[in-house]
């Protein structure tokens, strides 16, 4: 039952559609594909913008969709895992700034920030370790993490995005349009090279590596809790 709240495969499936669309059909189809997995406006994104959006989604959801559910299932079983998923889904649906529903959306966003405070940081550290095992730039990941992990209004979103940017040697984040309004955001990472479509596939390596390390870690935690109870 718990597999339903883990997003490893779905993250890869949805983001690889962006890769395939760009490579086989062009920018218009790439924009359409990435619009399925991000909340920002996509109709005017460049190819670089489309790729960044896909990679950032994989990075952020490595925490929200993989490590955080594992963390809560390890601590409190399926019930706590599904409770976390309900909070995270509520934030995805209504956690946006809106004049009419400002307080409703803010409450959802703040609650999501709270429940992800610990898991996001665990995810970032696991991602750095995974970068080492996956042959990516783990030193760059650690360096950019230390420097840029708070380059976001959310206390958690930049944690894993910073690791991803450093591991790939690219720059992520920056200004973005939401519902027709431009939001100025700081960049994350360094422009060591231009981001390319293959970075979407590289992000999958980091996703799966992090998920594997997370599974080992939280199985150990679960076993430790069971031993203590007995």
C-alpha atoms as a PDB file:
ATOM      1  CA  UNK A   1       0.000   0.000   0.000  1.00  0.00           C
ATOM      2  CA  UNK A   2       2.788   2.429   0.877  1.00  0.00           C
ATOM      3  CA  UNK A   3       4.259   2.342  -2.630  1.00  0.00           C
ATOM      4  CA  UNK A   4       1.428   4.686  -3.659  1.00  0.00           C
ATOM      5  CA  UNK A   5       3.023   7.622  -1.846  1.00  0.00           C
ATOM      6  CA  UNK A   6       6.519   7.153  -3.295  1.00  0.00           C
ATOM      7  CA  UNK A   7       7.067   9.109  -6.509  1.00  0.00           C
ATOM      8  CA  UNK A   8      10.362   7.696  -7.789  1.00  0.00           C
ATOM      9  CA  UNK A   9       9.028   6.061 -10.937  1.00  0.00           C
ATOM     10  CA  UNK A  10       6.423   8.721 -11.690  1.00  0.00           C
ATOM     11  CA  UNK A  11       9.049  11.480 -11.375  1.00  0.00           C
ATOM     12  CA  UNK A  12      11.247   9.736 -13.912  1.00  0.00           C
ATOM     13  CA  UNK A  13       8.322   8.904 -16.211  1.00  0.00           C
ATOM     14  CA  UNK A  14       6.927  12.436 -16.321  1.00  0.00           C
ATOM     15  CA  UNK A  15      10.281  14.185 -16.678  1.00  0.00           C
ATOM     16  CA  UNK A  16      11.542  11.802 -19.369  1.00  0.00           C
ATOM     17  CA  UNK A  17       8.490  12.837 -21.384  1.00  0.00           C
ATOM     18  CA  UNK A  18       9.923  16.340 -21.379  1.00  0.00           C
ATOM     19  CA  UNK A  19      13.247  14.977 -22.613  1.00  0.00           C
ATOM     20  CA  UNK A  20      11.590  12.925 -25.362  1.00  0.00           C
ATOM     21  CA  UNK A  21       9.371  15.825 -26.432  1.00  0.00           C
ATOM     22  CA  UNK A  22      12.318  18.183 -26.776  1.00  0.00           C
ATOM     23  CA  UNK A  23      14.474  15.692 -28.636  1.00  0.00           C
ATOM     24  CA  UNK A  24      11.826  14.337 -30.978  1.00  0.00           C
ATOM     25  CA  UNK A  25       9.153  17.032 -31.374  1.00  0.00           C
ATOM     26  CA  UNK A  26      10.612  20.387 -30.418  1.00  0.00           C
ATOM     27  CA  UNK A  27      10.078  23.258 -28.024  1.00  0.00           C
ATOM     28  CA  UNK A  28       6.281  23.471 -28.281  1.00  0.00           C
ATOM     29  CA  UNK A  29       5.807  19.870 -27.208  1.00  0.00           C
ATOM     30  CA  UNK A  30       8.516  20.306 -24.594  1.00  0.00           C
ATOM     31  CA  UNK A  31       6.590  23.197 -23.056  1.00  0.00           C
ATOM     32  CA  UNK A  32       3.396  21.144 -23.074  1.00  0.00           C
ATOM     33  CA  UNK A  33       5.125  18.204 -21.403  1.00  0.00           C
ATOM     34  CA  UNK A  34       6.754  20.265 -18.660  1.00  0.00           C
ATOM     35  CA  UNK A  35       3.489  22.102 -17.967  1.00  0.00           C
ATOM     36  CA  UNK A  36       2.179  18.784 -16.611  1.00  0.00           C
ATOM     37  CA  UNK A  37       4.704  18.756 -13.751  1.00  0.00           C
ATOM     38  CA  UNK A  38       5.324  22.403 -12.805  1.00  0.00           C
ATOM     39  CA  UNK A  39       3.176  25.242 -11.510  1.00  0.00           C
ATOM     40  CA  UNK A  40       4.908  28.056 -13.409  1.00  0.00           C
ATOM     41  CA  UNK A  41       3.759  29.519 -16.717  1.00  0.00           C
ATOM     42  CA  UNK A  42       5.380  27.526 -19.528  1.00  0.00           C
ATOM     43  CA  UNK A  43       4.046  28.993 -22.771  1.00  0.00           C
ATOM     44  CA  UNK A  44       7.050  31.292 -23.254  1.00  0.00           C
ATOM     45  CA  UNK A  45       9.824  29.147 -21.820  1.00  0.00           C
ATOM     46  CA  UNK A  46      12.966  28.704 -23.875  1.00  0.00           C
ATOM     47  CA  UNK A  47      14.456  25.234 -24.301  1.00  0.00           C
ATOM     48  CA  UNK A  48      16.819  26.034 -21.446  1.00  0.00           C
ATOM     49  CA  UNK A  49      13.866  27.090 -19.310  1.00  0.00           C
ATOM     50  CA  UNK A  50      11.997  23.874 -20.059  1.00  0.00           C
ATOM     51  CA  UNK A  51      15.001  21.736 -19.119  1.00  0.00           C
ATOM     52  CA  UNK A  52      15.611  23.729 -15.934  1.00  0.00           C
ATOM     53  CA  UNK A  53      11.985  23.328 -14.909  1.00  0.00           C
ATOM     54  CA  UNK A  54      12.165  19.547 -15.376  1.00  0.00           C
ATOM     55  CA  UNK A  55      15.451  19.186 -13.482  1.00  0.00           C
ATOM     56  CA  UNK A  56      14.254  21.441 -10.651  1.00  0.00           C
ATOM     57  CA  UNK A  57      11.095  19.362 -10.321  1.00  0.00           C
ATOM     58  CA  UNK A  58      13.105  16.158 -10.020  1.00  0.00           C
ATOM     59  CA  UNK A  59      15.367  17.818  -7.444  1.00  0.00           C
ATOM     60  CA  UNK A  60      12.607  19.234  -5.252  1.00  0.00           C
ATOM     61  CA  UNK A  61      10.458  16.120  -5.403  1.00  0.00           C
ATOM     62  CA  UNK A  62      13.351  13.838  -4.537  1.00  0.00           C
ATOM     63  CA  UNK A  63      12.652  15.265  -1.092  1.00  0.00           C
ATOM     64  CA  UNK A  64       8.878  15.809  -1.177  1.00  0.00           C
ATOM     65  CA  UNK A  65       7.964  12.704  -3.154  1.00  0.00           C
ATOM     66  CA  UNK A  66      10.578  10.186  -2.025  1.00  0.00           C
ATOM     67  CA  UNK A  67      12.669  10.883   1.081  1.00  0.00           C
ATOM     68  CA  UNK A  68      10.002  12.662   3.148  1.00  0.00           C
ATOM     69  CA  UNK A  69       7.420   9.847   2.737  1.00  0.00           C
ATOM     70  CA  UNK A  70      10.127   7.285   3.604  1.00  0.00           C
ATOM     71  CA  UNK A  71      11.039   9.321   6.688  1.00  0.00           C
ATOM     72  CA  UNK A  72       7.472   9.479   7.983  1.00  0.00           C
ATOM     73  CA  UNK A  73       6.762   5.826   7.199  1.00  0.00           C
ATOM     74  CA  UNK A  74       9.921   4.846   9.101  1.00  0.00           C
ATOM     75  CA  UNK A  75       8.862   6.920  12.099  1.00  0.00           C
ATOM     76  CA  UNK A  76       5.117   6.261  12.160  1.00  0.00           C
ATOM     77  CA  UNK A  77       4.235   3.633   9.584  1.00  0.00           C
ATOM     78  CA  UNK A  78       1.723   3.921   6.771  1.00  0.00           C
ATOM     79  CA  UNK A  79      -0.627   6.184   8.741  1.00  0.00           C
ATOM     80  CA  UNK A  80       1.983   8.895   9.238  1.00  0.00           C
ATOM     81  CA  UNK A  81       3.214   8.428   5.675  1.00  0.00           C
ATOM     82  CA  UNK A  82      -0.247   9.055   4.256  1.00  0.00           C
ATOM     83  CA  UNK A  83      -0.786  11.980   6.640  1.00  0.00           C
ATOM     84  CA  UNK A  84       2.384  13.570   5.290  1.00  0.00           C
ATOM     85  CA  UNK A  85       1.236  12.985   1.722  1.00  0.00           C
ATOM     86  CA  UNK A  86      -2.084  14.679   2.467  1.00  0.00           C
ATOM     87  CA  UNK A  87      -0.270  17.783   3.756  1.00  0.00           C
ATOM     88  CA  UNK A  88       2.085  17.844   0.769  1.00  0.00           C
ATOM     89  CA  UNK A  89      -0.786  17.425  -1.700  1.00  0.00           C
ATOM     90  CA  UNK A  90      -2.762  20.207  -0.033  1.00  0.00           C
ATOM     91  CA  UNK A  91       0.219  22.530  -0.411  1.00  0.00           C
ATOM     92  CA  UNK A  92       0.536  21.618  -4.109  1.00  0.00           C
ATOM     93  CA  UNK A  93      -3.141  22.385  -4.683  1.00  0.00           C
ATOM     94  CA  UNK A  94      -3.719  25.557  -2.668  1.00  0.00           C
ATOM     95  CA  UNK A  95      -0.359  26.694  -1.301  1.00  0.00           C
ATOM     96  CA  UNK A  96      -0.048  29.689  -3.637  1.00  0.00           C
ATOM     97  CA  UNK A  97      -0.301  33.390  -2.919  1.00  0.00           C
ATOM     98  CA  UNK A  98      -3.749  34.552  -3.881  1.00  0.00           C
ATOM     99  CA  UNK A  99      -5.537  37.681  -2.646  1.00  0.00           C
ATOM    100  CA  UNK A 100      -8.869  35.920  -2.136  1.00  0.00           C
ATOM    101  CA  UNK A 101      -7.480  32.801  -0.472  1.00  0.00           C
ATOM    102  CA  UNK A 102      -4.297  34.268   1.031  1.00  0.00           C
ATOM    103  CA  UNK A 103      -4.709  32.832   4.530  1.00  0.00           C
ATOM    104  CA  UNK A 104      -6.017  29.474   3.324  1.00  0.00           C
ATOM    105  CA  UNK A 105      -3.080  29.002   0.972  1.00  0.00           C
ATOM    106  CA  UNK A 106      -0.571  30.349   3.484  1.00  0.00           C
ATOM    107  CA  UNK A 107      -1.674  27.870   6.137  1.00  0.00           C
ATOM    108  CA  UNK A 108      -1.164  24.960   3.752  1.00  0.00           C
ATOM    109  CA  UNK A 109       2.250  26.245   2.663  1.00  0.00           C
ATOM    110  CA  UNK A 110       3.476  26.856   6.223  1.00  0.00           C
ATOM    111  CA  UNK A 111       2.341  23.415   7.376  1.00  0.00           C
ATOM    112  CA  UNK A 112       4.152  21.840   4.431  1.00  0.00           C
ATOM    113  CA  UNK A 113       7.290  23.838   5.297  1.00  0.00           C
ATOM    114  CA  UNK A 114       7.131  22.498   8.839  1.00  0.00           C
ATOM    115  CA  UNK A 115       6.699  18.805   8.007  1.00  0.00           C
ATOM    116  CA  UNK A 116       9.478  18.982   5.391  1.00  0.00           C
ATOM    117  CA  UNK A 117      11.995  20.789   7.588  1.00  0.00           C
ATOM    118  CA  UNK A 118      13.884  17.645   8.652  1.00  0.00           C
ATOM    119  CA  UNK A 119      13.289  15.432   5.581  1.00  0.00           C
ATOM    120  CA  UNK A 120      14.538  18.096   3.137  1.00  0.00           C
ATOM    121  CA  UNK A 121      17.870  18.298   4.921  1.00  0.00           C
ATOM    122  CA  UNK A 122      18.198  14.527   5.120  1.00  0.00           C
ATOM    123  CA  UNK A 123      17.399  14.360   1.405  1.00  0.00           C
ATOM    124  CA  UNK A 124      20.085  16.919   0.586  1.00  0.00           C
ATOM    125  CA  UNK A 125      22.759  14.993   2.492  1.00  0.00           C
ATOM    126  CA  UNK A 126      21.683  11.723   0.890  1.00  0.00           C
ATOM    127  CA  UNK A 127      21.837  13.391  -2.527  1.00  0.00           C
ATOM    128  CA  UNK A 128      25.411  14.504  -1.921  1.00  0.00           C
ATOM    129  CA  UNK A 129      26.334  10.929  -1.023  1.00  0.00           C
ATOM    130  CA  UNK A 130      24.425   9.645  -4.056  1.00  0.00           C
ATOM    131  CA  UNK A 131      26.314  12.079  -6.300  1.00  0.00           C
ATOM    132  CA  UNK A 132      29.536  10.396  -5.194  1.00  0.00           C
ATOM    133  CA  UNK A 133      28.250   6.890  -5.967  1.00  0.00           C
ATOM    134  CA  UNK A 134      26.665   7.994  -9.265  1.00  0.00           C
ATOM    135  CA  UNK A 135      29.873   9.525 -10.594  1.00  0.00           C
ATOM    136  CA  UNK A 136      28.602  13.103 -10.417  1.00  0.00           C
ATOM    137  CA  UNK A 137      30.365  16.099  -8.872  1.00  0.00           C
ATOM    138  CA  UNK A 138      29.744  15.445  -5.184  1.00  0.00           C
ATOM    139  CA  UNK A 139      32.258  18.078  -4.123  1.00  0.00           C
ATOM    140  CA  UNK A 140      30.450  20.672  -6.220  1.00  0.00           C
ATOM    141  CA  UNK A 141      27.164  19.430  -4.776  1.00  0.00           C
ATOM    142  CA  UNK A 142      28.424  19.920  -1.227  1.00  0.00           C
ATOM    143  CA  UNK A 143      29.895  23.341  -2.018  1.00  0.00           C
ATOM    144  CA  UNK A 144      26.780  24.729  -3.682  1.00  0.00           C
ATOM    145  CA  UNK A 145      24.606  23.197  -0.958  1.00  0.00           C
ATOM    146  CA  UNK A 146      26.483  25.060   1.751  1.00  0.00           C
ATOM    147  CA  UNK A 147      26.301  28.321  -0.179  1.00  0.00           C
ATOM    148  CA  UNK A 148      22.863  28.297  -1.855  1.00  0.00           C
ATOM    149  CA  UNK A 149      20.629  26.058   0.277  1.00  0.00           C
ATOM    150  CA  UNK A 150      18.585  29.046   1.459  1.00  0.00           C
ATOM    151  CA  UNK A 151      18.244  30.775  -1.934  1.00  0.00           C
ATOM    152  CA  UNK A 152      14.477  30.335  -1.933  1.00  0.00           C
ATOM    153  CA  UNK A 153      11.519  31.790  -0.050  1.00  0.00           C
ATOM    154  CA  UNK A 154      10.707  28.276   1.121  1.00  0.00           C
ATOM    155  CA  UNK A 155      13.117  27.072   3.823  1.00  0.00           C
ATOM    156  CA  UNK A 156      13.232  23.660   2.145  1.00  0.00           C
ATOM    157  CA  UNK A 157      12.977  23.927  -1.648  1.00  0.00           C
ATOM    158  CA  UNK A 158      16.550  25.050  -2.273  1.00  0.00           C
ATOM    159  CA  UNK A 159      18.058  22.292  -0.137  1.00  0.00           C
ATOM    160  CA  UNK A 160      17.891  19.616  -2.824  1.00  0.00           C
ATOM    161  CA  UNK A 161      17.942  22.043  -5.764  1.00  0.00           C
ATOM    162  CA  UNK A 162      21.310  23.324  -4.572  1.00  0.00           C
ATOM    163  CA  UNK A 163      22.704  19.801  -4.444  1.00  0.00           C
ATOM    164  CA  UNK A 164      21.349  19.022  -7.909  1.00  0.00           C
ATOM    165  CA  UNK A 165      22.822  22.217  -9.384  1.00  0.00           C
ATOM    166  CA  UNK A 166      26.226  21.539  -7.866  1.00  0.00           C
ATOM    167  CA  UNK A 167      26.269  17.872  -8.852  1.00  0.00           C
ATOM    168  CA  UNK A 168      25.449  18.695 -12.479  1.00  0.00           C
ATOM    169  CA  UNK A 169      27.573  21.849 -12.677  1.00  0.00           C
ATOM    170  CA  UNK A 170      24.685  24.011 -13.869  1.00  0.00           C
ATOM    171  CA  UNK A 171      22.651  26.957 -12.635  1.00  0.00           C
ATOM    172  CA  UNK A 172      19.025  26.440 -11.627  1.00  0.00           C
ATOM    173  CA  UNK A 173      16.162  28.605 -10.332  1.00  0.00           C
ATOM    174  CA  UNK A 174      16.094  32.336 -11.101  1.00  0.00           C
ATOM    175  CA  UNK A 175      13.095  34.459 -12.102  1.00  0.00           C
ATOM    176  CA  UNK A 176       9.895  32.681 -13.121  1.00  0.00           C
ATOM    177  CA  UNK A 177       6.348  33.557 -14.178  1.00  0.00           C
ATOM    178  CA  UNK A 178       3.337  32.292 -12.219  1.00  0.00           C
ATOM    179  CA  UNK A 179      -0.228  33.070 -13.291  1.00  0.00           C
ATOM    180  CA  UNK A 180       0.963  35.936 -15.467  1.00  0.00           C
ATOM    181  CA  UNK A 181       3.110  37.577 -12.783  1.00  0.00           C
ATOM    182  CA  UNK A 182       6.915  37.633 -12.704  1.00  0.00           C
ATOM    183  CA  UNK A 183       8.500  36.472  -9.452  1.00  0.00           C
ATOM    184  CA  UNK A 184      12.125  37.401  -8.938  1.00  0.00           C
ATOM    185  CA  UNK A 185      14.125  34.550  -7.435  1.00  0.00           C
ATOM    186  CA  UNK A 186      17.845  34.149  -6.761  1.00  0.00           C
ATOM    187  CA  UNK A 187      19.797  31.693  -8.873  1.00  0.00           C
ATOM    188  CA  UNK A 188      21.078  28.426  -7.437  1.00  0.00           C
ATOM    189  CA  UNK A 189      24.405  26.992  -8.557  1.00  0.00           C
ATOM    190  CA  UNK A 190      27.050  28.200 -10.996  1.00  0.00           C
ATOM    191  CA  UNK A 191      26.943  28.448 -14.780  1.00  0.00           C
ATOM    192  CA  UNK A 192      29.937  26.189 -15.255  1.00  0.00           C
ATOM    193  CA  UNK A 193      28.321  25.024 -18.471  1.00  0.00           C
ATOM    194  CA  UNK A 194      24.986  25.376 -20.263  1.00  0.00           C
ATOM    195  CA  UNK A 195      22.266  23.043 -19.125  1.00  0.00           C
ATOM    196  CA  UNK A 196      21.174  20.490 -21.726  1.00  0.00           C
ATOM    197  CA  UNK A 197      18.515  17.844 -22.236  1.00  0.00           C
ATOM    198  CA  UNK A 198      20.884  15.105 -21.062  1.00  0.00           C
ATOM    199  CA  UNK A 199      20.841  16.735 -17.631  1.00  0.00           C
ATOM    200  CA  UNK A 200      17.285  15.481 -17.232  1.00  0.00           C
ATOM    201  CA  UNK A 201      18.630  11.941 -17.483  1.00  0.00           C
ATOM    202  CA  UNK A 202      21.483  12.795 -15.128  1.00  0.00           C
ATOM    203  CA  UNK A 203      18.943  14.041 -12.605  1.00  0.00           C
ATOM    204  CA  UNK A 204      17.322  10.598 -12.739  1.00  0.00           C
ATOM    205  CA  UNK A 205      20.596   8.972 -11.712  1.00  0.00           C
ATOM    206  CA  UNK A 206      20.704  11.212  -8.678  1.00  0.00           C
ATOM    207  CA  UNK A 207      17.022  10.556  -7.960  1.00  0.00           C
ATOM    208  CA  UNK A 208      17.435   6.782  -7.966  1.00  0.00           C
ATOM    209  CA  UNK A 209      20.729   6.882  -6.097  1.00  0.00           C
ATOM    210  CA  UNK A 210      19.175   9.019  -3.372  1.00  0.00           C
ATOM    211  CA  UNK A 211      16.112   6.779  -3.169  1.00  0.00           C
ATOM    212  CA  UNK A 212      18.320   3.707  -2.759  1.00  0.00           C
ATOM    213  CA  UNK A 213      20.385   5.283   0.019  1.00  0.00           C
ATOM    214  CA  UNK A 214      17.211   6.545   1.663  1.00  0.00           C
ATOM    215  CA  UNK A 215      15.707   3.060   1.621  1.00  0.00           C
ATOM    216  CA  UNK A 216      18.793   1.658   3.353  1.00  0.00           C
ATOM    217  CA  UNK A 217      18.832   4.454   5.934  1.00  0.00           C
ATOM    218  CA  UNK A 218      15.151   4.281   6.834  1.00  0.00           C
ATOM    219  CA  UNK A 219      15.058   0.491   6.908  1.00  0.00           C
ATOM    220  CA  UNK A 220      17.828   0.717   9.485  1.00  0.00           C
ATOM    221  CA  UNK A 221      15.826   3.335  11.423  1.00  0.00           C
ATOM    222  CA  UNK A 222      12.699   1.166  11.288  1.00  0.00           C
ATOM    223  CA  UNK A 223      14.604  -1.861  12.519  1.00  0.00           C
ATOM    224  CA  UNK A 224      16.141   0.179  15.338  1.00  0.00           C
ATOM    225  CA  UNK A 225      12.713   1.423  16.439  1.00  0.00           C
ATOM    226  CA  UNK A 226      11.356  -2.137  16.373  1.00  0.00           C
ATOM    227  CA  UNK A 227      14.248  -3.401  18.486  1.00  0.00           C
ATOM    228  CA  UNK A 228      13.758  -0.603  21.025  1.00  0.00           C
ATOM    229  CA  UNK A 229      10.043  -1.388  21.315  1.00  0.00           C
ATOM    230  CA  UNK A 230      10.725  -5.090  21.831  1.00  0.00           C
END
